[in-house]
Amino acid sequence: MAQDKVSIRISKEDMQKFNELASSLSMTKTAIIKKIVNDGFAQTAEITNPTLLTSFEKIEKMLGSIGTNLNQMAKKVNSGEEFTEQDIKTLQQIITKFDALETVVIDKNVKTVIKKRGSK
């Protein structure tokens, strides 16, 4: 079990922000400091917008489908089988899915603004 203790000087305003952060994350101040030490300063955005969550689920499903199709074609070609008209049609469908995916991502990026905590 950890026994070392850290002491810092902090303004009342910053301490209040630290307490609010701990409360909003349902974490102890010690847990927050450990997370920063172990994971770095990366920012995490929690997405709660149902429309945006649905879009991400669609994107994930589309990417999975595309990956499956590409893997099947790669396996076929690597085993020495010839590329067929159906394979070409499948590639065209993949391109169409990528175009649709690009449209979804661009549309959501235009409509989504992520602000840093405390920004106006």
PDB file of N, CA and C in Angstrom:
ATOM      1  N   MET A   1       0.845  -1.190   0.000  1.00  0.00           N
ATOM      2  CA  MET A   1       0.000   0.000   0.000  1.00  0.00           C
ATOM      3  C   MET A   1       0.882   1.242   0.000  1.00  0.00           C
ATOM      4  N   ALA A   2       0.468   2.262  -0.743  1.00  0.00           N
ATOM      5  CA  ALA A   2       1.258   3.495  -0.863  1.00  0.00           C
ATOM      6  C   ALA A   2       1.300   4.231   0.469  1.00  0.00           C
ATOM      7  N   GLN A   3       2.495   4.729   0.794  1.00  0.00           N
ATOM      8  CA  GLN A   3       2.665   5.438   2.054  1.00  0.00           C
ATOM      9  C   GLN A   3       3.168   6.864   1.874  1.00  0.00           C
ATOM     10  N   ASP A   4       3.672   7.195   0.681  1.00  0.00           N
ATOM     11  CA  ASP A   4       4.193   8.534   0.467  1.00  0.00           C
ATOM     12  C   ASP A   4       3.059   9.546   0.409  1.00  0.00           C
ATOM     13  N   LYS A   5       3.340  10.737   0.899  1.00  0.00           N
ATOM     14  CA  LYS A   5       2.337  11.795   0.949  1.00  0.00           C
ATOM     15  C   LYS A   5       2.854  12.987   0.144  1.00  0.00           C
ATOM     16  N   VAL A   6       1.960  13.625  -0.607  1.00  0.00           N
ATOM     17  CA  VAL A   6       2.305  14.789  -1.400  1.00  0.00           C
ATOM     18  C   VAL A   6       1.539  15.984  -0.846  1.00  0.00           C
ATOM     19  N   SER A   7       2.229  17.086  -0.712  1.00  0.00           N
ATOM     20  CA  SER A   7       1.598  18.309  -0.232  1.00  0.00           C
ATOM     21  C   SER A   7       1.850  19.405  -1.265  1.00  0.00           C
ATOM     22  N   ILE A   8       0.793  20.161  -1.616  1.00  0.00           N
ATOM     23  CA  ILE A   8       0.956  21.251  -2.586  1.00  0.00           C
ATOM     24  C   ILE A   8       0.282  22.509  -2.060  1.00  0.00           C
ATOM     25  N   ARG A   9       0.692  23.642  -2.608  1.00  0.00           N
ATOM     26  CA  ARG A   9       0.027  24.912  -2.317  1.00  0.00           C
ATOM     27  C   ARG A   9      -0.874  25.224  -3.499  1.00  0.00           C
ATOM     28  N   ILE A  10      -2.093  25.634  -3.194  1.00  0.00           N
ATOM     29  CA  ILE A  10      -3.069  25.873  -4.243  1.00  0.00           C
ATOM     30  C   ILE A  10      -3.994  27.004  -3.799  1.00  0.00           C
ATOM     31  N   SER A  11      -4.428  27.828  -4.748  1.00  0.00           N
ATOM     32  CA  SER A  11      -5.333  28.923  -4.389  1.00  0.00           C
ATOM     33  C   SER A  11      -6.694  28.359  -4.003  1.00  0.00           C
ATOM     34  N   LYS A  12      -7.467  29.158  -3.263  1.00  0.00           N
ATOM     35  CA  LYS A  12      -8.808  28.710  -2.873  1.00  0.00           C
ATOM     36  C   LYS A  12      -9.668  28.450  -4.102  1.00  0.00           C
ATOM     37  N   GLU A  13      -9.511  29.304  -5.115  1.00  0.00           N
ATOM     38  CA  GLU A  13     -10.286  29.146  -6.356  1.00  0.00           C
ATOM     39  C   GLU A  13      -9.944  27.828  -7.046  1.00  0.00           C
ATOM     40  N   ASP A  14      -8.648  27.528  -7.153  1.00  0.00           N
ATOM     41  CA  ASP A  14      -8.236  26.272  -7.779  1.00  0.00           C
ATOM     42  C   ASP A  14      -8.652  25.068  -6.938  1.00  0.00           C
ATOM     43  N   MET A  15      -8.610  25.204  -5.622  1.00  0.00           N
ATOM     44  CA  MET A  15      -9.035  24.114  -4.753  1.00  0.00           C
ATOM     45  C   MET A  15     -10.528  23.848  -4.930  1.00  0.00           C
ATOM     46  N   GLN A  16     -11.297  24.914  -5.074  1.00  0.00           N
ATOM     47  CA  GLN A  16     -12.733  24.762  -5.297  1.00  0.00           C
ATOM     48  C   GLN A  16     -12.973  24.032  -6.622  1.00  0.00           C
ATOM     49  N   LYS A  17     -12.227  24.417  -7.664  1.00  0.00           N
ATOM     50  CA  LYS A  17     -12.350  23.745  -8.964  1.00  0.00           C
ATOM     51  C   LYS A  17     -11.969  22.268  -8.848  1.00  0.00           C
ATOM     52  N   PHE A  18     -10.908  21.993  -8.091  1.00  0.00           N
ATOM     53  CA  PHE A  18     -10.458  20.616  -7.898  1.00  0.00           C
ATOM     54  C   PHE A  18     -11.535  19.794  -7.185  1.00  0.00           C
ATOM     55  N   ASN A  19     -12.129  20.374  -6.146  1.00  0.00           N
ATOM     56  CA  ASN A  19     -13.214  19.695  -5.428  1.00  0.00           C
ATOM     57  C   ASN A  19     -14.413  19.449  -6.336  1.00  0.00           C
ATOM     58  N   GLU A  20     -14.760  20.442  -7.152  1.00  0.00           N
ATOM     59  CA  GLU A  20     -15.885  20.294  -8.081  1.00  0.00           C
ATOM     60  C   GLU A  20     -15.601  19.207  -9.115  1.00  0.00           C
ATOM     61  N   LEU A  21     -14.353  19.175  -9.599  1.00  0.00           N
ATOM     62  CA  LEU A  21     -13.964  18.142 -10.555  1.00  0.00           C
ATOM     63  C   LEU A  21     -14.094  16.758  -9.924  1.00  0.00           C
ATOM     64  N   ALA A  22     -13.583  16.606  -8.724  1.00  0.00           N
ATOM     65  CA  ALA A  22     -13.664  15.321  -8.034  1.00  0.00           C
ATOM     66  C   ALA A  22     -15.119  14.909  -7.845  1.00  0.00           C
ATOM     67  N   SER A  23     -15.950  15.866  -7.478  1.00  0.00           N
ATOM     68  CA  SER A  23     -17.362  15.576  -7.276  1.00  0.00           C
ATOM     69  C   SER A  23     -18.045  15.182  -8.585  1.00  0.00           C
ATOM     70  N   SER A  24     -17.777  15.948  -9.651  1.00  0.00           N
ATOM     71  CA  SER A  24     -18.445  15.674 -10.930  1.00  0.00           C
ATOM     72  C   SER A  24     -18.009  14.337 -11.529  1.00  0.00           C
ATOM     73  N   LEU A  25     -16.791  13.901 -11.227  1.00  0.00           N
ATOM     74  CA  LEU A  25     -16.291  12.616 -11.734  1.00  0.00           C
ATOM     75  C   LEU A  25     -16.550  11.467 -10.769  1.00  0.00           C
ATOM     76  N   SER A  26     -17.100  11.784  -9.599  1.00  0.00           N
ATOM     77  CA  SER A  26     -17.324  10.786  -8.550  1.00  0.00           C
ATOM     78  C   SER A  26     -16.018  10.053  -8.227  1.00  0.00           C
ATOM     79  N   MET A  27     -14.954  10.851  -8.101  1.00  0.00           N
ATOM     80  CA  MET A  27     -13.637  10.297  -7.782  1.00  0.00           C
ATOM     81  C   MET A  27     -13.068  11.058  -6.597  1.00  0.00           C
ATOM     82  N   THR A  28     -12.185  10.394  -5.870  1.00  0.00           N
ATOM     83  CA  THR A  28     -11.479  11.107  -4.817  1.00  0.00           C
ATOM     84  C   THR A  28     -10.393  11.956  -5.464  1.00  0.00           C
ATOM     85  N   LYS A  29      -9.915  12.936  -4.727  1.00  0.00           N
ATOM     86  CA  LYS A  29      -8.827  13.773  -5.250  1.00  0.00           C
ATOM     87  C   LYS A  29      -7.578  12.927  -5.464  1.00  0.00           C
ATOM     88  N   THR A  30      -7.356  11.977  -4.579  1.00  0.00           N
ATOM     89  CA  THR A  30      -6.213  11.075  -4.732  1.00  0.00           C
ATOM     90  C   THR A  30      -6.345  10.268  -6.026  1.00  0.00           C
ATOM     91  N   ALA A  31      -7.538   9.781  -6.311  1.00  0.00           N
ATOM     92  CA  ALA A  31      -7.756   8.995  -7.531  1.00  0.00           C
ATOM     93  C   ALA A  31      -7.520   9.840  -8.778  1.00  0.00           C
ATOM     94  N   ILE A  32      -7.918  11.103  -8.732  1.00  0.00           N
ATOM     95  CA  ILE A  32      -7.689  11.997  -9.881  1.00  0.00           C
ATOM     96  C   ILE A  32      -6.197  12.175 -10.113  1.00  0.00           C
ATOM     97  N   ILE A  33      -5.452  12.439  -9.054  1.00  0.00           N
ATOM     98  CA  ILE A  33      -4.001  12.635  -9.178  1.00  0.00           C
ATOM     99  C   ILE A  33      -3.338  11.358  -9.694  1.00  0.00           C
ATOM    100  N   LYS A  34      -3.744  10.203  -9.180  1.00  0.00           N
ATOM    101  CA  LYS A  34      -3.179   8.932  -9.652  1.00  0.00           C
ATOM    102  C   LYS A  34      -3.483   8.729 -11.135  1.00  0.00           C
ATOM    103  N   LYS A  35      -4.698   9.075 -11.545  1.00  0.00           N
ATOM    104  CA  LYS A  35      -5.075   8.927 -12.955  1.00  0.00           C
ATOM    105  C   LYS A  35      -4.213   9.813 -13.838  1.00  0.00           C
ATOM    106  N   ILE A  36      -3.984  11.044 -13.415  1.00  0.00           N
ATOM    107  CA  ILE A  36      -3.130  11.959 -14.182  1.00  0.00           C
ATOM    108  C   ILE A  36      -1.707  11.412 -14.264  1.00  0.00           C
ATOM    109  N   VAL A  37      -1.192  10.929 -13.145  1.00  0.00           N
ATOM    110  CA  VAL A  37       0.174  10.395 -13.107  1.00  0.00           C
ATOM    111  C   VAL A  37       0.293   9.167 -14.010  1.00  0.00           C
ATOM    112  N   ASN A  38      -0.685   8.278 -13.951  1.00  0.00           N
ATOM    113  CA  ASN A  38      -0.619   7.018 -14.704  1.00  0.00           C
ATOM    114  C   ASN A  38      -1.032   7.146 -16.170  1.00  0.00           C
ATOM    115  N   ASP A  39      -2.010   8.010 -16.448  1.00  0.00           N
ATOM    116  CA  ASP A  39      -2.565   8.094 -17.803  1.00  0.00           C
ATOM    117  C   ASP A  39      -2.178   9.363 -18.553  1.00  0.00           C
ATOM    118  N   GLY A  40      -1.593  10.322 -17.891  1.00  0.00           N
ATOM    119  CA  GLY A  40      -1.231  11.572 -18.556  1.00  0.00           C
ATOM    120  C   GLY A  40      -2.373  12.572 -18.533  1.00  0.00           C
ATOM    121  N   PHE A  41      -2.238  13.586 -19.366  1.00  0.00           N
ATOM    122  CA  PHE A  41      -3.187  14.688 -19.374  1.00  0.00           C
ATOM    123  C   PHE A  41      -4.213  14.602 -20.490  1.00  0.00           C
ATOM    124  N   ALA A  42      -4.380  13.453 -21.102  1.00  0.00           N
ATOM    125  CA  ALA A  42      -5.315  13.316 -22.209  1.00  0.00           C
ATOM    126  C   ALA A  42      -6.715  13.725 -21.767  1.00  0.00           C
ATOM    127  N   GLN A  43      -7.416  14.390 -22.669  1.00  0.00           N
ATOM    128  CA  GLN A  43      -8.781  14.797 -22.375  1.00  0.00           C
ATOM    129  C   GLN A  43      -9.740  13.744 -22.900  1.00  0.00           C
ATOM    130  N   THR A  44     -10.755  13.465 -22.128  1.00  0.00           N
ATOM    131  CA  THR A  44     -11.772  12.513 -22.514  1.00  0.00           C
ATOM    132  C   THR A  44     -13.093  13.246 -22.625  1.00  0.00           C
ATOM    133  N   ALA A  45     -13.779  13.036 -23.719  1.00  0.00           N
ATOM    134  CA  ALA A  45     -15.089  13.659 -23.909  1.00  0.00           C
ATOM    135  C   ALA A  45     -16.155  12.594 -23.689  1.00  0.00           C
ATOM    136  N   GLU A  46     -17.055  12.880 -22.791  1.00  0.00           N
ATOM    137  CA  GLU A  46     -18.174  11.973 -22.562  1.00  0.00           C
ATOM    138  C   GLU A  46     -19.309  12.415 -23.474  1.00  0.00           C
ATOM    139  N   ILE A  47     -19.795  11.506 -24.297  1.00  0.00           N
ATOM    140  CA  ILE A  47     -20.850  11.832 -25.249  1.00  0.00           C
ATOM    141  C   ILE A  47     -22.160  11.303 -24.694  1.00  0.00           C
ATOM    142  N   THR A  48     -23.089  12.219 -24.460  1.00  0.00           N
ATOM    143  CA  THR A  48     -24.389  11.828 -23.913  1.00  0.00           C
ATOM    144  C   THR A  48     -25.526  12.134 -24.878  1.00  0.00           C
ATOM    145  N   ASN A  49     -25.238  12.822 -25.966  1.00  0.00           N
ATOM    146  CA  ASN A  49     -26.260  13.158 -26.952  1.00  0.00           C
ATOM    147  C   ASN A  49     -26.704  11.880 -27.656  1.00  0.00           C
ATOM    148  N   PRO A  50     -27.987  11.497 -27.525  1.00  0.00           N
ATOM    149  CA  PRO A  50     -28.463  10.233 -28.117  1.00  0.00           C
ATOM    150  C   PRO A  50     -28.269  10.174 -29.637  1.00  0.00           C
ATOM    151  N   THR A  51     -28.456  11.291 -30.320  1.00  0.00           N
ATOM    152  CA  THR A  51     -28.290  11.304 -31.773  1.00  0.00           C
ATOM    153  C   THR A  51     -26.841  11.031 -32.149  1.00  0.00           C
ATOM    154  N   LEU A  52     -25.926  11.650 -31.428  1.00  0.00           N
ATOM    155  CA  LEU A  52     -24.506  11.455 -31.698  1.00  0.00           C
ATOM    156  C   LEU A  52     -24.076  10.027 -31.353  1.00  0.00           C
ATOM    157  N   LEU A  53     -24.596   9.502 -30.250  1.00  0.00           N
ATOM    158  CA  LEU A  53     -24.285   8.113 -29.879  1.00  0.00           C
ATOM    159  C   LEU A  53     -24.775   7.141 -30.956  1.00  0.00           C
ATOM    160  N   THR A  54     -25.983   7.383 -31.476  1.00  0.00           N
ATOM    161  CA  THR A  54     -26.532   6.544 -32.539  1.00  0.00           C
ATOM    162  C   THR A  54     -25.657   6.610 -33.780  1.00  0.00           C
ATOM    163  N   SER A  55     -25.184   7.824 -34.093  1.00  0.00           N
ATOM    164  CA  SER A  55     -24.304   7.985 -35.257  1.00  0.00           C
ATOM    165  C   SER A  55     -23.017   7.192 -35.081  1.00  0.00           C
ATOM    166  N   PHE A  56     -22.430   7.252 -33.890  1.00  0.00           N
ATOM    167  CA  PHE A  56     -21.201   6.507 -33.640  1.00  0.00           C
ATOM    168  C   PHE A  56     -21.446   5.001 -33.738  1.00  0.00           C
ATOM    169  N   GLU A  57     -22.604   4.542 -33.288  1.00  0.00           N
ATOM    170  CA  GLU A  57     -22.927   3.119 -33.395  1.00  0.00           C
ATOM    171  C   GLU A  57     -23.049   2.710 -34.857  1.00  0.00           C
ATOM    172  N   LYS A  58     -23.668   3.587 -35.681  1.00  0.00           N
ATOM    173  CA  LYS A  58     -23.780   3.301 -37.116  1.00  0.00           C
ATOM    174  C   LYS A  58     -22.401   3.258 -37.763  1.00  0.00           C
ATOM    175  N   ILE A  59     -21.548   4.191 -37.391  1.00  0.00           N
ATOM    176  CA  ILE A  59     -20.193   4.232 -37.934  1.00  0.00           C
ATOM    177  C   ILE A  59     -19.444   2.957 -37.564  1.00  0.00           C
ATOM    178  N   GLU A  60     -19.558   2.547 -36.308  1.00  0.00           N
ATOM    179  CA  GLU A  60     -18.885   1.330 -35.850  1.00  0.00           C
ATOM    180  C   GLU A  60     -19.370   0.116 -36.635  1.00  0.00           C
ATOM    181  N   LYS A  61     -20.681   0.036 -36.860  1.00  0.00           N
ATOM    182  CA  LYS A  61     -21.256  -1.085 -37.607  1.00  0.00           C
ATOM    183  C   LYS A  61     -20.780  -1.068 -39.059  1.00  0.00           C
ATOM    184  N   MET A  62     -20.756   0.135 -39.661  1.00  0.00           N
ATOM    185  CA  MET A  62     -20.298   0.245 -41.047  1.00  0.00           C
ATOM    186  C   MET A  62     -18.836  -0.164 -41.177  1.00  0.00           C
ATOM    187  N   LEU A  63     -17.993   0.289 -40.248  1.00  0.00           N
ATOM    188  CA  LEU A  63     -16.577  -0.063 -40.295  1.00  0.00           C
ATOM    189  C   LEU A  63     -16.380  -1.567 -40.118  1.00  0.00           C
ATOM    190  N   GLY A  64     -17.162  -2.169 -39.244  1.00  0.00           N
ATOM    191  CA  GLY A  64     -17.082  -3.615 -39.053  1.00  0.00           C
ATOM    192  C   GLY A  64     -17.449  -4.369 -40.312  1.00  0.00           C
ATOM    193  N   SER A  65     -18.500  -3.915 -40.978  1.00  0.00           N
ATOM    194  CA  SER A  65     -18.946  -4.539 -42.225  1.00  0.00           C
ATOM    195  C   SER A  65     -17.886  -4.394 -43.316  1.00  0.00           C
ATOM    196  N   ILE A  66     -17.324  -3.206 -43.421  1.00  0.00           N
ATOM    197  CA  ILE A  66     -16.278  -2.956 -44.420  1.00  0.00           C
ATOM    198  C   ILE A  66     -15.068  -3.843 -44.153  1.00  0.00           C
ATOM    199  N   GLY A  67     -14.662  -3.916 -42.891  1.00  0.00           N
ATOM    200  CA  GLY A  67     -13.516  -4.749 -42.530  1.00  0.00           C
ATOM    201  C   GLY A  67     -13.746  -6.220 -42.860  1.00  0.00           C
ATOM    202  N   THR A  68     -14.939  -6.693 -42.576  1.00  0.00           N
ATOM    203  CA  THR A  68     -15.271  -8.090 -42.866  1.00  0.00           C
ATOM    204  C   THR A  68     -15.171  -8.366 -44.365  1.00  0.00           C
ATOM    205  N   ASN A  69     -15.771  -7.469 -45.163  1.00  0.00           N
ATOM    206  CA  ASN A  69     -15.723  -7.647 -46.621  1.00  0.00           C
ATOM    207  C   ASN A  69     -14.285  -7.639 -47.144  1.00  0.00           C
ATOM    208  N   LEU A  70     -13.497  -6.695 -46.676  1.00  0.00           N
ATOM    209  CA  LEU A  70     -12.108  -6.607 -47.132  1.00  0.00           C
ATOM    210  C   LEU A  70     -11.308  -7.842 -46.728  1.00  0.00           C
ATOM    211  N   ASN A  71     -11.529  -8.324 -45.502  1.00  0.00           N
ATOM    212  CA  ASN A  71     -10.820  -9.525 -45.048  1.00  0.00           C
ATOM    213  C   ASN A  71     -11.188 -10.746 -45.890  1.00  0.00           C
ATOM    214  N   GLN A  72     -12.455 -10.871 -46.240  1.00  0.00           N
ATOM    215  CA  GLN A  72     -12.894 -12.000 -47.060  1.00  0.00           C
ATOM    216  C   GLN A  72     -12.247 -11.948 -48.440  1.00  0.00           C
ATOM    217  N   MET A  73     -12.179 -10.740 -49.011  1.00  0.00           N
ATOM    218  CA  MET A  73     -11.563 -10.608 -50.334  1.00  0.00           C
ATOM    219  C   MET A  73     -10.058 -10.852 -50.264  1.00  0.00           C
ATOM    220  N   ALA A  74      -9.412 -10.367 -49.225  1.00  0.00           N
ATOM    221  CA  ALA A  74      -7.974 -10.581 -49.079  1.00  0.00           C
ATOM    222  C   ALA A  74      -7.673 -12.069 -48.927  1.00  0.00           C
ATOM    223  N   LYS A  75      -8.470 -12.761 -48.135  1.00  0.00           N
ATOM    224  CA  LYS A  75      -8.287 -14.200 -47.944  1.00  0.00           C
ATOM    225  C   LYS A  75      -8.434 -14.935 -49.274  1.00  0.00           C
ATOM    226  N   LYS A  76      -9.430 -14.527 -50.045  1.00  0.00           N
ATOM    227  CA  LYS A  76      -9.692 -15.157 -51.341  1.00  0.00           C
ATOM    228  C   LYS A  76      -8.513 -14.950 -52.290  1.00  0.00           C
ATOM    229  N   VAL A  77      -8.052 -13.720 -52.409  1.00  0.00           N
ATOM    230  CA  VAL A  77      -6.946 -13.401 -53.315  1.00  0.00           C
ATOM    231  C   VAL A  77      -5.658 -14.081 -52.847  1.00  0.00           C
ATOM    232  N   ASN A  78      -5.415 -14.068 -51.536  1.00  0.00           N
ATOM    233  CA  ASN A  78      -4.195 -14.682 -51.003  1.00  0.00           C
ATOM    234  C   ASN A  78      -4.179 -16.201 -51.156  1.00  0.00           C
ATOM    235  N   SER A  79      -5.356 -16.805 -51.283  1.00  0.00           N
ATOM    236  CA  SER A  79      -5.407 -18.258 -51.467  1.00  0.00           C
ATOM    237  C   SER A  79      -5.297 -18.641 -52.942  1.00  0.00           C
ATOM    238  N   GLY A  80      -5.137 -17.633 -53.816  1.00  0.00           N
ATOM    239  CA  GLY A  80      -4.922 -17.908 -55.237  1.00  0.00           C
ATOM    240  C   GLY A  80      -6.175 -17.852 -56.082  1.00  0.00           C
ATOM    241  N   GLU A  81      -7.315 -17.564 -55.476  1.00  0.00           N
ATOM    242  CA  GLU A  81      -8.547 -17.465 -56.254  1.00  0.00           C
ATOM    243  C   GLU A  81      -8.545 -16.174 -57.069  1.00  0.00           C
ATOM    244  N   GLU A  82      -9.291 -16.197 -58.153  1.00  0.00           N
ATOM    245  CA  GLU A  82      -9.362 -15.021 -59.016  1.00  0.00           C
ATOM    246  C   GLU A  82     -10.362 -14.012 -58.478  1.00  0.00           C
ATOM    247  N   PHE A  83     -10.112 -12.777 -58.833  1.00  0.00           N
ATOM    248  CA  PHE A  83     -10.999 -11.676 -58.489  1.00  0.00           C
ATOM    249  C   PHE A  83     -12.170 -11.701 -59.469  1.00  0.00           C
ATOM    250  N   THR A  84     -13.393 -11.768 -58.959  1.00  0.00           N
ATOM    251  CA  THR A  84     -14.567 -11.919 -59.819  1.00  0.00           C
ATOM    252  C   THR A  84     -15.332 -10.604 -59.959  1.00  0.00           C
ATOM    253  N   GLU A  85     -16.342 -10.652 -60.819  1.00  0.00           N
ATOM    254  CA  GLU A  85     -17.234  -9.489 -60.970  1.00  0.00           C
ATOM    255  C   GLU A  85     -17.914  -9.170 -59.636  1.00  0.00           C
ATOM    256  N   GLN A  86     -18.271 -10.207 -58.888  1.00  0.00           N
ATOM    257  CA  GLN A  86     -18.901 -10.008 -57.580  1.00  0.00           C
ATOM    258  C   GLN A  86     -17.949  -9.281 -56.635  1.00  0.00           C
ATOM    259  N   ASP A  87     -16.665  -9.617 -56.707  1.00  0.00           N
ATOM    260  CA  ASP A  87     -15.673  -8.933 -55.875  1.00  0.00           C
ATOM    261  C   ASP A  87     -15.599  -7.449 -56.230  1.00  0.00           C
ATOM    262  N   ILE A  88     -15.670  -7.155 -57.509  1.00  0.00           N
ATOM    263  CA  ILE A  88     -15.651  -5.758 -57.958  1.00  0.00           C
ATOM    264  C   ILE A  88     -16.889  -5.030 -57.426  1.00  0.00           C
ATOM    265  N   LYS A  89     -18.048  -5.692 -57.495  1.00  0.00           N
ATOM    266  CA  LYS A  89     -19.281  -5.097 -56.967  1.00  0.00           C
ATOM    267  C   LYS A  89     -19.151  -4.856 -55.455  1.00  0.00           C
ATOM    268  N   THR A  90     -18.539  -5.810 -54.762  1.00  0.00           N
ATOM    269  CA  THR A  90     -18.341  -5.663 -53.318  1.00  0.00           C
ATOM    270  C   THR A  90     -17.434  -4.476 -53.027  1.00  0.00           C
ATOM    271  N   LEU A  91     -16.375  -4.324 -53.811  1.00  0.00           N
ATOM    272  CA  LEU A  91     -15.493  -3.164 -53.640  1.00  0.00           C
ATOM    273  C   LEU A  91     -16.241  -1.858 -53.897  1.00  0.00           C
ATOM    274  N   GLN A  92     -17.100  -1.856 -54.889  1.00  0.00           N
ATOM    275  CA  GLN A  92     -17.898  -0.658 -55.159  1.00  0.00           C
ATOM    276  C   GLN A  92     -18.834  -0.355 -53.989  1.00  0.00           C
ATOM    277  N   GLN A  93     -19.385  -1.398 -53.371  1.00  0.00           N
ATOM    278  CA  GLN A  93     -20.236  -1.208 -52.195  1.00  0.00           C
ATOM    279  C   GLN A  93     -19.425  -0.649 -51.029  1.00  0.00           C
ATOM    280  N   ILE A  94     -18.203  -1.115 -50.895  1.00  0.00           N
ATOM    281  CA  ILE A  94     -17.328  -0.608 -49.834  1.00  0.00           C
ATOM    282  C   ILE A  94     -17.050   0.876 -50.050  1.00  0.00           C
ATOM    283  N   ILE A  95     -16.775   1.251 -51.294  1.00  0.00           N
ATOM    284  CA  ILE A  95     -16.536   2.664 -51.612  1.00  0.00           C
ATOM    285  C   ILE A  95     -17.773   3.487 -51.273  1.00  0.00           C
ATOM    286  N   THR A  96     -18.954   2.961 -51.603  1.00  0.00           N
ATOM    287  CA  THR A  96     -20.208   3.653 -51.285  1.00  0.00           C
ATOM    288  C   THR A  96     -20.366   3.811 -49.778  1.00  0.00           C
ATOM    289  N   LYS A  97     -20.018   2.761 -49.018  1.00  0.00           N
ATOM    290  CA  LYS A  97     -20.108   2.835 -47.555  1.00  0.00           C
ATOM    291  C   LYS A  97     -19.133   3.869 -47.000  1.00  0.00           C
ATOM    292  N   PHE A  98     -17.917   3.909 -47.561  1.00  0.00           N
ATOM    293  CA  PHE A  98     -16.950   4.908 -47.119  1.00  0.00           C
ATOM    294  C   PHE A  98     -17.452   6.319 -47.419  1.00  0.00           C
ATOM    295  N   ASP A  99     -18.060   6.499 -48.580  1.00  0.00           N
ATOM    296  CA  ASP A  99     -18.618   7.819 -48.923  1.00  0.00           C
ATOM    297  C   ASP A  99     -19.723   8.210 -47.950  1.00  0.00           C
ATOM    298  N   ALA A 100     -20.600   7.242 -47.614  1.00  0.00           N
ATOM    299  CA  ALA A 100     -21.679   7.509 -46.658  1.00  0.00           C
ATOM    300  C   ALA A 100     -21.106   7.811 -45.288  1.00  0.00           C
ATOM    301  N   LEU A 101     -20.094   7.066 -44.900  1.00  0.00           N
ATOM    302  CA  LEU A 101     -19.434   7.276 -43.612  1.00  0.00           C
ATOM    303  C   LEU A 101     -18.799   8.659 -43.564  1.00  0.00           C
ATOM    304  N   GLU A 102     -18.143   9.047 -44.636  1.00  0.00           N
ATOM    305  CA  GLU A 102     -17.529  10.373 -44.699  1.00  0.00           C
ATOM    306  C   GLU A 102     -18.583  11.464 -44.547  1.00  0.00           C
ATOM    307  N   THR A 103     -19.729  11.279 -45.182  1.00  0.00           N
ATOM    308  CA  THR A 103     -20.816  12.253 -45.077  1.00  0.00           C
ATOM    309  C   THR A 103     -21.306  12.374 -43.641  1.00  0.00           C
ATOM    310  N   VAL A 104     -21.479  11.244 -42.962  1.00  0.00           N
ATOM    311  CA  VAL A 104     -21.935  11.252 -41.569  1.00  0.00           C
ATOM    312  C   VAL A 104     -20.924  11.973 -40.685  1.00  0.00           C
ATOM    313  N   VAL A 105     -19.653  11.639 -40.864  1.00  0.00           N
ATOM    314  CA  VAL A 105     -18.610  12.235 -40.028  1.00  0.00           C
ATOM    315  C   VAL A 105     -18.515  13.739 -40.275  1.00  0.00           C
ATOM    316  N   ILE A 106     -18.521  14.150 -41.521  1.00  0.00           N
ATOM    317  CA  ILE A 106     -18.444  15.581 -41.831  1.00  0.00           C
ATOM    318  C   ILE A 106     -19.653  16.306 -41.276  1.00  0.00           C
ATOM    319  N   ASP A 107     -20.835  15.718 -41.447  1.00  0.00           N
ATOM    320  CA  ASP A 107     -22.072  16.334 -40.953  1.00  0.00           C
ATOM    321  C   ASP A 107     -22.024  16.499 -39.440  1.00  0.00           C
ATOM    322  N   LYS A 108     -21.558  15.484 -38.728  1.00  0.00           N
ATOM    323  CA  LYS A 108     -21.509  15.553 -37.269  1.00  0.00           C
ATOM    324  C   LYS A 108     -20.421  16.513 -36.789  1.00  0.00           C
ATOM    325  N   ASN A 109     -19.304  16.583 -37.509  1.00  0.00           N
ATOM    326  CA  ASN A 109     -18.242  17.510 -37.119  1.00  0.00           C
ATOM    327  C   ASN A 109     -18.687  18.951 -37.256  1.00  0.00           C
ATOM    328  N   VAL A 110     -19.495  19.241 -38.262  1.00  0.00           N
ATOM    329  CA  VAL A 110     -19.979  20.603 -38.462  1.00  0.00           C
ATOM    330  C   VAL A 110     -20.948  20.980 -37.342  1.00  0.00           C
ATOM    331  N   LYS A 111     -21.753  20.023 -36.891  1.00  0.00           N
ATOM    332  CA  LYS A 111     -22.797  20.306 -35.897  1.00  0.00           C
ATOM    333  C   LYS A 111     -22.315  20.166 -34.454  1.00  0.00           C
ATOM    334  N   THR A 112     -21.183  19.521 -34.231  1.00  0.00           N
ATOM    335  CA  THR A 112     -20.723  19.242 -32.878  1.00  0.00           C
ATOM    336  C   THR A 112     -19.591  20.179 -32.490  1.00  0.00           C
ATOM    337  N   VAL A 113     -19.773  20.842 -31.369  1.00  0.00           N
ATOM    338  CA  VAL A 113     -18.732  21.702 -30.831  1.00  0.00           C
ATOM    339  C   VAL A 113     -18.431  21.199 -29.429  1.00  0.00           C
ATOM    340  N   ILE A 114     -17.189  20.851 -29.194  1.00  0.00           N
ATOM    341  CA  ILE A 114     -16.786  20.387 -27.864  1.00  0.00           C
ATOM    342  C   ILE A 114     -16.015  21.518 -27.208  1.00  0.00           C
ATOM    343  N   LYS A 115     -16.527  21.985 -26.082  1.00  0.00           N
ATOM    344  CA  LYS A 115     -15.876  23.073 -25.358  1.00  0.00           C
ATOM    345  C   LYS A 115     -15.151  22.517 -24.152  1.00  0.00           C
ATOM    346  N   LYS A 116     -14.058  23.155 -23.830  1.00  0.00           N
ATOM    347  CA  LYS A 116     -13.343  22.781 -22.620  1.00  0.00           C
ATOM    348  C   LYS A 116     -14.193  23.184 -21.423  1.00  0.00           C
ATOM    349  N   ARG A 117     -14.061  22.435 -20.356  1.00  0.00           N
ATOM    350  CA  ARG A 117     -14.793  22.730 -19.145  1.00  0.00           C
ATOM    351  C   ARG A 117     -14.515  24.170 -18.718  1.00  0.00           C
ATOM    352  N   GLY A 118     -15.561  24.924 -18.454  1.00  0.00           N
ATOM    353  CA  GLY A 118     -15.408  26.292 -17.980  1.00  0.00           C
ATOM    354  C   GLY A 118     -15.330  27.324 -19.099  1.00  0.00           C
ATOM    355  N   SER A 119     -15.254  26.874 -20.380  1.00  0.00           N
ATOM    356  CA  SER A 119     -15.203  27.854 -21.471  1.00  0.00           C
ATOM    357  C   SER A 119     -16.606  28.351 -21.765  1.00  0.00           C
ATOM    358  N   LYS A 120     -16.677  29.517 -22.335  1.00  0.00           N
ATOM    359  CA  LYS A 120     -17.994  30.111 -22.604  1.00  0.00           C
ATOM    360  C   LYS A 120     -18.309  30.092 -24.066  1.00  0.00           C
TER     361      LYS A 120
END
